[in-house]
Protein backbone atom coordinates (compact mmCIF):
# COMPACT_ATOMS: atom_id res chain seq x y z
CA MET A 1 9.67 -6.16 -15.49
CA ALA A 2 6.19 -7.55 -15.81
CA THR A 3 2.77 -6.03 -16.27
CA ARG A 4 0.52 -6.35 -13.22
CA TYR A 5 -2.90 -4.87 -12.56
CA ARG A 6 -4.20 -2.72 -9.74
CA VAL A 7 -7.61 -3.80 -8.45
CA LEU A 8 -9.92 -0.81 -8.04
CA ALA A 9 -13.55 0.14 -7.73
CA SER A 10 -14.77 3.39 -9.24
CA SER A 11 -17.86 5.45 -8.41
CA GLN A 12 -19.17 7.93 -10.92
CA GLN A 13 -21.37 9.64 -8.30
CA THR A 14 -18.44 10.44 -6.01
CA GLY A 15 -15.78 10.75 -8.70
CA GLN A 16 -13.52 8.53 -6.60
CA LYS A 17 -11.62 5.29 -6.93
CA GLN A 18 -10.86 2.92 -4.08
CA GLN A 19 -8.00 0.42 -4.34
CA SER A 20 -8.26 -3.04 -2.84
CA MET A 21 -5.27 -3.68 -0.63
CA ASP A 22 -6.15 -7.32 0.15
CA LEU A 23 -4.39 -8.53 -2.99
CA VAL A 24 -1.07 -6.67 -2.71
CA GLY A 25 1.69 -9.07 -3.71
CA ASP A 26 -0.68 -11.57 -5.36
CA PRO A 27 1.32 -13.05 -8.28
CA MET A 28 -1.92 -13.81 -10.17
CA LEU A 29 -2.49 -10.09 -10.72
CA GLY A 30 -0.51 -10.46 -13.93
CA ASP A 31 -3.61 -12.05 -15.47
CA PRO A 32 -6.08 -9.32 -16.52
CA THR A 33 -9.06 -11.69 -16.43
CA TYR A 34 -8.32 -12.66 -12.83
CA ALA A 35 -7.67 -9.03 -11.86
CA LYS A 36 -10.99 -7.93 -13.40
CA ARG A 37 -12.89 -10.64 -11.50
CA CYS A 38 -11.23 -9.44 -8.29
CA ALA A 39 -12.13 -5.82 -9.11
CA ASP A 40 -15.76 -6.74 -9.80
CA SER A 41 -15.92 -8.64 -6.50
CA TYR A 42 -14.40 -5.68 -4.65
CA ALA A 43 -16.94 -3.31 -6.24
CA MET A 44 -19.79 -5.61 -5.19
CA LYS A 45 -18.49 -5.50 -1.60
CA LEU A 46 -18.37 -1.70 -1.63
CA ASN A 47 -21.91 -1.59 -3.04
CA SER A 48 -23.20 -3.94 -0.34
CA ASP A 49 -21.44 -1.82 2.32
CA PHE A 50 -22.98 1.33 0.77
CA LYS A 51 -19.46 2.83 0.81
CA LEU A 52 -19.52 6.65 0.78
CA HIS A 53 -23.33 6.44 0.70
CA VAL A 54 -23.47 5.28 -2.94
CA CYS A 55 -24.01 1.95 -4.64
CA ASP A 56 -22.71 2.61 -8.16
CA TRP A 57 -19.25 1.07 -7.66
CA VAL A 58 -17.85 -0.79 -10.67
CA GLY A 59 -14.70 -2.87 -10.89
CA VAL A 60 -11.73 -1.34 -12.70
CA ILE A 61 -8.18 -2.54 -13.35
CA GLU A 62 -5.17 -0.40 -14.17
CA PRO A 63 -1.93 -1.85 -15.58
CA TYR A 64 1.48 -0.98 -14.15
CA GLU A 65 4.98 -2.26 -14.60
CA HIS A 66 6.16 -4.43 -11.70
CA VAL A 67 9.86 -4.91 -11.05
CA ASP A 68 10.65 -8.37 -9.67
């Protein structure tokens, strides 16, 4: 088993999290620095898209245990 990170964006105004599905299966998601950069990029995209009519999205990562 190995620790991997989910790439998410969180909005305080909506109280919701959105998970990026573009990176599912990416072996680099074991690196928290890489995962955080991806999360920040995903949050910036949601902000530029004005997702759910808010622009307070921030990148978040959550660890989980991945079974190879």
